[in-house]
């Protein structure tokens, strides 16, 4: 692969060349980690998303078992308990 050059902006930002982003599958929002090495080199790698722990891991899980219902159906069900 050929060498691609980018510049650091005044705000410390760097653009990753499109060719590299496509080849590595980096999309907007991809988190990158930078490690400093010797001889003014650094390594860049993708940071894997953190896995939720404990109760957070179950958040929204029950929704997968619930069939979607219209609001009217839900209100009729709730109101049926009020009638005597």
Protein backbone atom coordinates (compact mmCIF):
# COMPACT_ATOMS: atom_id res chain seq x y z
CA UNK A 1 0.00 0.00 0.00
CA UNK A 2 1.23 3.46 -0.71
CA UNK A 3 1.94 6.03 1.99
CA UNK A 4 -0.88 8.50 2.60
CA UNK A 5 -0.23 11.82 4.31
CA UNK A 6 -2.59 14.00 6.36
CA UNK A 7 -2.03 17.08 8.52
CA UNK A 8 -2.88 17.84 12.12
CA UNK A 9 -5.16 20.90 12.35
CA UNK A 10 -4.73 23.77 14.80
CA UNK A 11 -7.38 22.06 16.96
CA UNK A 12 -5.42 18.78 17.01
CA UNK A 13 -7.72 16.96 14.58
CA UNK A 14 -6.59 14.52 11.92
CA UNK A 15 -8.55 13.14 8.96
CA UNK A 16 -8.17 9.46 8.20
CA UNK A 17 -7.87 8.99 4.43
CA UNK A 18 -11.01 7.54 2.81
CA UNK A 19 -9.05 4.64 1.31
CA UNK A 20 -7.97 3.51 4.78
CA UNK A 21 -11.44 4.03 6.32
CA UNK A 22 -13.04 1.92 3.58
CA UNK A 23 -10.46 -0.85 3.79
CA UNK A 24 -10.75 -1.08 7.60
CA UNK A 25 -14.51 -0.56 7.68
CA UNK A 26 -14.34 2.50 9.93
CA UNK A 27 -17.66 4.35 10.01
CA UNK A 28 -18.52 7.65 11.69
CA UNK A 29 -18.48 7.13 15.45
CA UNK A 30 -15.74 4.48 15.38
CA UNK A 31 -13.58 4.95 18.50
CA UNK A 32 -9.86 4.87 17.93
CA UNK A 33 -7.11 4.30 20.49
CA UNK A 34 -3.65 5.76 20.04
CA UNK A 35 -0.53 4.23 21.58
CA UNK A 36 2.78 6.04 21.55
CA UNK A 37 5.76 3.96 20.40
CA UNK A 38 9.44 4.75 19.92
CA UNK A 39 10.99 6.87 17.15
CA UNK A 40 8.00 9.23 16.80
CA UNK A 41 5.66 6.42 15.81
CA UNK A 42 2.25 5.53 17.15
CA UNK A 43 -0.19 2.69 16.73
CA UNK A 44 -3.89 3.30 16.09
CA UNK A 45 -6.49 0.61 16.70
CA UNK A 46 -10.26 0.35 17.06
CA UNK A 47 -11.63 0.35 20.57
CA UNK A 48 -14.33 -2.27 21.01
CA UNK A 49 -17.58 -1.00 22.56
CA UNK A 50 -17.83 -1.64 26.29
CA UNK A 51 -20.20 -4.41 27.26
CA UNK A 52 -22.85 -3.30 29.78
CA UNK A 53 -22.57 -4.89 33.21
CA UNK A 54 -25.19 -6.12 35.66
CA UNK A 55 -28.70 -4.78 35.29
CA UNK A 56 -27.67 -2.53 32.39
CA UNK A 57 -27.04 -5.65 30.29
CA UNK A 58 -30.72 -6.60 30.66
CA UNK A 59 -32.07 -3.16 29.84
CA UNK A 60 -34.75 -3.42 27.17
CA UNK A 61 -34.54 -7.23 27.07
CA UNK A 62 -38.17 -7.76 28.15
CA UNK A 63 -39.36 -5.61 25.25
CA UNK A 64 -38.27 -8.33 22.82
CA UNK A 65 -41.04 -10.61 24.15
CA UNK A 66 -43.81 -8.06 24.03
CA UNK A 67 -45.94 -7.81 20.91
CA UNK A 68 -46.52 -4.20 19.88
CA UNK A 69 -50.07 -3.01 20.62
CA UNK A 70 -51.96 0.06 19.62
CA UNK A 71 -52.61 2.64 22.32
CA UNK A 72 -56.35 2.13 21.99
CA UNK A 73 -56.01 -1.60 22.73
CA UNK A 74 -53.87 -0.89 25.80
CA UNK A 75 -56.32 1.73 27.13
CA UNK A 76 -59.30 -0.63 26.63
CA UNK A 77 -57.45 -3.30 28.60
CA UNK A 78 -56.71 -0.89 31.44
CA UNK A 79 -60.26 0.47 31.50
CA UNK A 80 -61.83 -2.99 31.56
CA UNK A 81 -60.73 -3.38 35.19
CA UNK A 82 -62.64 -0.24 36.16
CA UNK A 83 -66.05 -1.58 35.10
CA UNK A 84 -68.12 -3.44 37.66
